[in-house]
Protein backbone atom coordinates (compact mmCIF):
# COMPACT_ATOMS: atom_id res chain seq x y z
CA MET A 1 1.48 -24.69 -26.93
CA THR A 2 1.67 -26.16 -23.43
CA ALA A 3 1.74 -24.16 -20.23
CA GLY A 4 5.17 -25.52 -19.30
CA LYS A 5 6.78 -24.56 -22.61
CA LEU A 6 5.17 -21.13 -22.60
CA LEU A 7 6.24 -20.54 -19.01
CA ASN A 8 9.87 -21.52 -19.66
CA GLU A 9 10.10 -19.21 -22.66
CA ALA A 10 8.60 -16.32 -20.68
CA ILE A 11 10.94 -16.86 -17.72
CA SER A 12 13.97 -16.79 -20.01
CA SER A 13 12.72 -13.63 -21.72
CA LEU A 14 12.09 -11.83 -18.42
CA ARG A 15 15.48 -12.90 -17.07
CA GLU A 16 17.25 -11.63 -20.20
CA ASN A 17 15.55 -8.28 -19.69
CA GLY A 18 16.75 -8.01 -16.09
CA ILE A 19 13.33 -8.42 -14.48
CA ASP A 20 13.46 -9.42 -10.81
CA GLU A 21 11.82 -12.72 -9.83
CA PRO A 22 11.15 -13.85 -13.42
CA GLU A 23 9.73 -17.23 -12.35
CA ALA A 24 7.16 -15.78 -9.94
CA ASN A 25 6.13 -13.01 -12.35
CA ALA A 26 5.64 -15.42 -15.25
CA GLN A 27 3.70 -17.84 -13.08
CA TRP A 28 1.36 -15.15 -11.74
CA LEU A 29 0.69 -13.81 -15.22
CA LEU A 30 -0.02 -17.22 -16.72
CA SER A 31 -2.18 -18.03 -13.71
CA ALA A 32 -4.30 -14.97 -14.48
CA VAL A 33 -4.61 -15.89 -18.15
CA LEU A 34 -5.57 -19.53 -17.50
CA LYS A 35 -7.64 -18.73 -14.40
CA LYS A 36 -5.79 -21.41 -12.47
CA ASN A 37 -3.64 -21.10 -9.38
CA ARG A 38 0.13 -21.24 -9.64
CA ALA A 39 0.36 -24.72 -8.13
CA GLN A 40 -1.98 -26.13 -10.77
CA ILE A 41 0.16 -24.69 -13.55
CA ILE A 42 3.45 -25.88 -12.08
CA LEU A 43 2.12 -29.38 -11.39
CA ASN A 44 0.45 -29.71 -14.80
CA PRO A 45 2.94 -28.37 -17.35
CA GLU A 46 1.20 -30.24 -20.20
CA THR A 47 -1.93 -28.09 -19.86
CA GLU A 48 -2.88 -26.81 -23.31
CA VAL A 49 -2.94 -23.04 -23.85
CA SER A 50 -5.28 -21.74 -26.53
CA PRO A 51 -4.04 -19.28 -29.21
CA SER A 52 -6.07 -16.44 -27.68
CA GLN A 53 -4.64 -17.19 -24.21
CA GLU A 54 -1.14 -17.29 -25.68
CA ILE A 55 -1.65 -13.85 -27.22
CA MET A 56 -2.91 -12.43 -23.93
CA PHE A 57 0.01 -13.92 -22.01
CA GLY A 58 2.44 -12.52 -24.58
CA GLU A 59 1.00 -9.04 -24.05
CA TYR A 60 1.34 -9.41 -20.28
CA ILE A 61 4.98 -10.46 -20.62
CA ARG A 62 5.65 -7.54 -22.98
CA GLN A 63 4.33 -5.14 -20.34
CA LYS A 64 6.34 -6.84 -17.62
CA LYS A 65 9.55 -6.49 -19.65
CA GLN A 66 8.85 -2.75 -19.77
CA GLY A 67 8.96 -2.69 -15.97
CA ILE A 68 5.22 -2.36 -15.38
CA PRO A 69 4.32 -3.58 -11.87
CA LEU A 70 2.62 -6.96 -11.77
CA ALA A 71 -0.37 -5.49 -9.92
CA TYR A 72 -0.90 -2.89 -12.66
CA ILE A 73 -0.91 -5.58 -15.34
CA LEU A 74 -3.39 -7.74 -13.43
CA GLY A 75 -5.38 -4.74 -12.22
CA THR A 76 -5.68 -5.96 -8.63
CA GLN A 77 -3.61 -6.46 -5.50
CA ASP A 78 -4.45 -8.55 -2.45
CA PHE A 79 -4.05 -6.77 0.87
CA ILE A 80 -4.24 -9.19 3.80
CA ASP A 81 -7.72 -10.62 3.13
CA ILE A 82 -9.24 -8.02 0.80
CA THR A 83 -8.64 -7.47 -2.92
CA LEU A 84 -8.12 -3.95 -4.23
CA LYS A 85 -8.22 -2.44 -7.68
CA VAL A 86 -4.86 -0.83 -8.41
CA ASP A 87 -3.53 1.00 -11.44
CA SER A 88 -1.11 3.80 -12.32
CA ARG A 89 -3.14 6.26 -10.21
CA VAL A 90 -1.98 4.67 -6.96
CA LEU A 91 0.99 3.08 -5.23
CA VAL A 92 0.98 -0.72 -5.12
CA PRO A 93 0.45 -1.80 -1.46
CA ARG A 94 3.48 -3.65 -0.06
CA PRO A 95 3.71 -6.41 2.56
CA GLU A 96 5.18 -3.91 5.03
CA THR A 97 1.99 -1.86 4.76
CA GLU A 98 0.01 -4.93 5.76
CA GLU A 99 2.13 -5.05 8.91
CA LEU A 100 1.29 -1.41 9.65
CA ALA A 101 -2.44 -2.11 9.26
CA GLU A 102 -2.21 -5.05 11.66
CA TYR A 103 -0.39 -2.95 14.28
CA ALA A 104 -3.16 -0.36 14.06
CA ALA A 105 -5.78 -3.13 14.38
CA GLU A 106 -4.13 -4.48 17.52
CA PHE A 107 -4.25 -0.99 19.03
CA ILE A 108 -7.93 -0.53 18.15
CA SER A 109 -8.81 -3.93 19.59
CA SER A 110 -7.04 -3.17 22.85
CA LYS A 111 -8.18 0.45 23.32
CA PHE A 112 -11.45 0.92 21.43
CA SER A 113 -13.03 -2.53 21.16
CA GLY A 114 -16.74 -2.27 20.32
CA ILE A 115 -16.65 1.53 20.35
CA SER A 116 -17.62 3.74 17.40
CA ILE A 117 -14.41 5.44 16.29
CA ASN A 118 -13.18 7.71 13.52
CA ILE A 119 -10.05 6.70 11.59
CA LEU A 120 -7.98 8.91 9.30
CA ASP A 121 -5.92 7.37 6.50
CA TYR A 122 -3.66 10.12 5.16
CA GLY A 123 -2.12 9.40 1.75
CA ALA A 124 -4.83 6.78 1.32
CA GLY A 125 -4.04 5.87 -2.30
CA SER A 126 -6.04 2.75 -3.15
CA GLY A 127 -7.49 2.82 0.37
CA ALA A 128 -5.67 -0.33 1.47
CA ILE A 129 -5.01 0.43 5.14
CA GLY A 130 -8.18 2.30 5.96
CA PHE A 131 -10.52 -0.01 4.06
CA TRP A 132 -9.08 -3.12 5.65
CA LEU A 133 -9.60 -1.54 9.08
CA LEU A 134 -13.20 -0.68 8.16
CA LYS A 135 -13.87 -4.28 7.16
CA LYS A 136 -12.37 -5.47 10.45
CA PHE A 137 -14.17 -2.94 12.67
CA PRO A 138 -17.83 -2.47 11.71
CA ASN A 139 -18.25 0.38 14.22
CA ALA A 140 -15.55 2.50 12.60
CA ARG A 141 -15.84 5.33 10.13
CA LEU A 142 -13.00 6.48 7.87
CA THR A 143 -11.70 9.67 6.33
CA ALA A 144 -9.59 8.73 3.30
CA ALA A 145 -7.41 11.75 2.50
CA ASP A 146 -5.01 12.20 -0.38
CA LYS A 147 -3.32 14.99 -2.30
CA SER A 148 -4.10 13.19 -5.57
CA ALA A 149 -7.67 13.47 -6.85
CA GLU A 150 -6.94 10.56 -9.22
CA ALA A 151 -5.89 8.34 -6.31
CA LEU A 152 -9.12 9.17 -4.49
CA GLU A 153 -11.15 8.15 -7.55
CA CYS A 154 -9.46 4.75 -7.40
CA ALA A 155 -10.17 4.59 -3.65
CA LYS A 156 -13.85 5.37 -4.29
CA GLU A 157 -14.06 2.48 -6.75
CA ASN A 158 -12.58 0.16 -4.13
CA ALA A 159 -14.91 1.44 -1.42
CA ARG A 160 -17.92 0.68 -3.59
CA GLN A 161 -16.65 -2.80 -4.39
CA LEU A 162 -15.96 -3.52 -0.72
CA ARG A 163 -19.37 -2.09 0.25
CA ILE A 164 -17.96 0.44 2.72
CA TYR A 165 -18.56 3.61 0.71
CA ASP A 166 -21.24 4.80 3.13
CA ARG A 167 -18.76 4.68 6.02
CA THR A 168 -16.05 6.62 4.19
CA LEU A 169 -15.48 10.35 3.74
CA PHE A 170 -13.08 11.25 0.91
CA ALA A 171 -10.91 14.36 1.31
CA ASN A 172 -8.76 15.80 -1.48
CA VAL A 173 -6.31 17.96 0.49
CA GLU A 174 -2.93 19.47 -0.26
CA THR A 175 -1.54 18.69 3.21
CA PRO A 176 -2.86 17.15 6.46
CA ASN A 177 -2.98 20.69 7.88
CA SER A 178 -6.16 21.20 5.83
CA LEU A 179 -7.99 18.48 7.76
CA SER A 180 -10.22 18.92 10.79
CA GLY A 181 -12.08 16.60 13.11
CA HIS A 182 -11.31 14.22 15.94
CA TYR A 183 -9.81 10.79 15.30
CA SER A 184 -9.03 7.83 17.51
CA VAL A 185 -6.50 6.44 15.03
CA ILE A 186 -4.45 7.96 12.21
CA VAL A 187 -2.69 5.66 9.77
CA SER A 188 -0.39 6.80 7.01
CA ASN A 189 2.00 5.43 4.43
CA PRO A 190 3.35 8.82 3.32
CA PRO A 191 5.89 9.38 0.53
CA TYR A 192 9.25 8.71 2.17
CA ILE A 193 11.89 8.38 -0.54
CA PRO A 194 14.41 11.29 -0.64
CA SER A 195 13.95 13.29 -3.85
CA ALA A 196 17.55 12.78 -4.98
CA VAL A 197 17.24 8.99 -4.71
CA ILE A 198 14.17 8.63 -6.93
CA PRO A 199 15.88 8.85 -10.37
CA GLY A 200 17.98 5.78 -9.50
CA LEU A 201 15.04 3.55 -8.60
CA SER A 202 14.01 0.56 -10.70
CA PRO A 203 11.73 1.09 -13.72
CA GLU A 204 9.01 -0.81 -11.85
CA VAL A 205 9.01 1.62 -8.94
CA LEU A 206 9.26 4.59 -11.31
CA SER A 207 6.03 3.39 -12.96
CA GLU A 208 4.22 4.34 -9.76
CA PRO A 209 2.97 7.89 -9.03
CA TYR A 210 5.86 10.28 -8.30
CA MET A 211 3.68 12.07 -5.76
CA ALA A 212 3.41 8.85 -3.75
CA LEU A 213 7.20 8.40 -3.69
CA ASP A 214 8.74 11.83 -3.10
CA GLY A 215 9.40 12.49 0.59
CA GLY A 216 11.40 15.66 0.04
CA SER A 217 15.10 16.28 0.62
CA ASP A 218 15.50 13.82 3.51
CA GLY A 219 12.44 11.62 2.98
CA LEU A 220 10.58 12.96 6.01
CA SER A 221 8.91 16.12 4.69
CA VAL A 222 5.39 14.65 4.49
CA ALA A 223 5.85 12.51 7.62
CA ARG A 224 6.64 15.65 9.64
CA LEU A 225 3.42 17.26 8.42
CA VAL A 226 1.43 14.17 9.39
CA LEU A 227 3.06 14.10 12.83
CA GLY A 228 2.31 17.78 13.40
CA ALA A 229 -1.31 17.49 12.30
CA ALA A 230 -1.83 14.31 14.33
CA GLY A 231 -1.11 16.17 17.55
CA ARG A 232 -4.11 18.37 16.78
CA LEU A 233 -6.44 15.78 15.21
CA LEU A 234 -6.09 12.83 17.59
CA VAL A 235 -8.26 12.45 20.68
CA PRO A 236 -6.42 11.90 24.00
CA GLY A 237 -5.16 8.33 24.00
CA GLY A 238 -5.43 8.12 20.21
CA GLY A 239 -2.67 6.55 18.14
CA LEU A 240 -0.64 7.53 15.08
CA PHE A 241 0.79 4.71 12.93
CA MET A 242 3.13 5.53 10.04
CA GLU A 243 5.24 3.47 7.65
CA LEU A 244 8.60 5.03 6.78
CA SER A 245 11.89 4.04 5.22
CA GLY A 246 14.17 1.78 7.23
CA GLY A 247 15.67 3.75 10.14
CA ASP A 248 13.57 6.88 9.63
CA PRO A 249 11.18 6.20 12.55
CA LEU A 250 14.14 6.62 14.89
CA ARG A 251 14.98 9.99 13.32
CA LEU A 252 11.40 11.20 13.57
CA LYS A 253 11.14 9.96 17.14
CA HIS A 254 13.82 12.45 18.18
CA GLU A 255 11.82 15.30 16.63
CA ALA A 256 8.48 14.50 18.32
CA SER A 257 7.38 16.69 21.22
CA ASN A 258 7.12 14.95 24.59
CA ASP A 259 4.49 17.52 25.58
CA ILE A 260 2.01 16.01 23.10
CA TRP A 261 2.85 12.31 23.15
CA LYS A 262 2.83 10.00 26.14
CA GLU A 263 4.42 7.18 24.14
CA ILE A 264 6.62 7.25 21.04
CA ARG A 265 8.29 4.20 19.60
CA SER A 266 9.90 2.75 16.51
CA VAL A 267 8.81 -0.76 15.47
CA GLN A 268 10.72 -3.20 13.31
CA ASP A 269 9.22 -4.88 10.26
CA PHE A 270 9.58 -8.62 9.61
CA SER A 271 12.98 -8.08 7.98
CA GLY A 272 14.36 -6.32 11.08
CA GLN A 273 14.28 -2.79 9.65
CA GLN A 274 13.10 0.06 11.87
CA ARG A 275 10.05 0.71 9.69
CA PHE A 276 7.06 1.92 11.69
CA PHE A 277 6.56 5.07 13.75
CA VAL A 278 3.99 4.78 16.53
CA ALA A 279 2.91 7.64 18.79
CA ILE A 280 0.15 7.68 21.41
CA LYS A 281 -1.29 11.07 22.36
CA ALA A 282 -1.21 12.11 26.00
């Protein structure tokens, strides 16, 4: 069997099963099996695929047709310039979350360059945001906090692989109100999908941890807790950076106390959605 023939059959099968982006999914999966990049496969459709590779690819496609996220099938997800282990214990990091991490990095570079700082990543999951910031800022230390003990186990595995375990404190807490300490930066990608909306989501999204999706009745229940705790945990001049659903940063902005924050703003993502909530403590 050639790569081109196998790829065409897989794309047709994924499309028939209503899978989004069937071409890209099939290409990524075959790329993993053959250990070649996508361009090599596309440009060399006559590449021979061994029987064992064909069986592995068939199993990957079977999982994809069931709505399993691509990252879960492959076991990893790239986040900017680091690679993370991801599985059903954690949410798959999205491109928007990369934007949030870069906004936080810009703030650190401008306000705390070369200074030893403490960062809190609440709802850390795989550790994506916090670990990328640790790799970028060698003087930083991180508290990775999550309600899910299973998610924190995944984060610990990533911290070891990235060689930043010794700069990370892991906190299994029910809410951010259980945390103490003083932080220069708090980053969070909290659950922000309204509870009533979740049953209608795609099978792929529903494969991810419910705890990482459910933002309560209006999607802001956890975000409000993070905002409240941040006022207590941040040092003066420290910054809070949160990713929310499109439009929700504007709603939360109206609820924030002007007595605590000297600057509150909503920031658009690359698609033009009001996605990120940023608050700087007075």
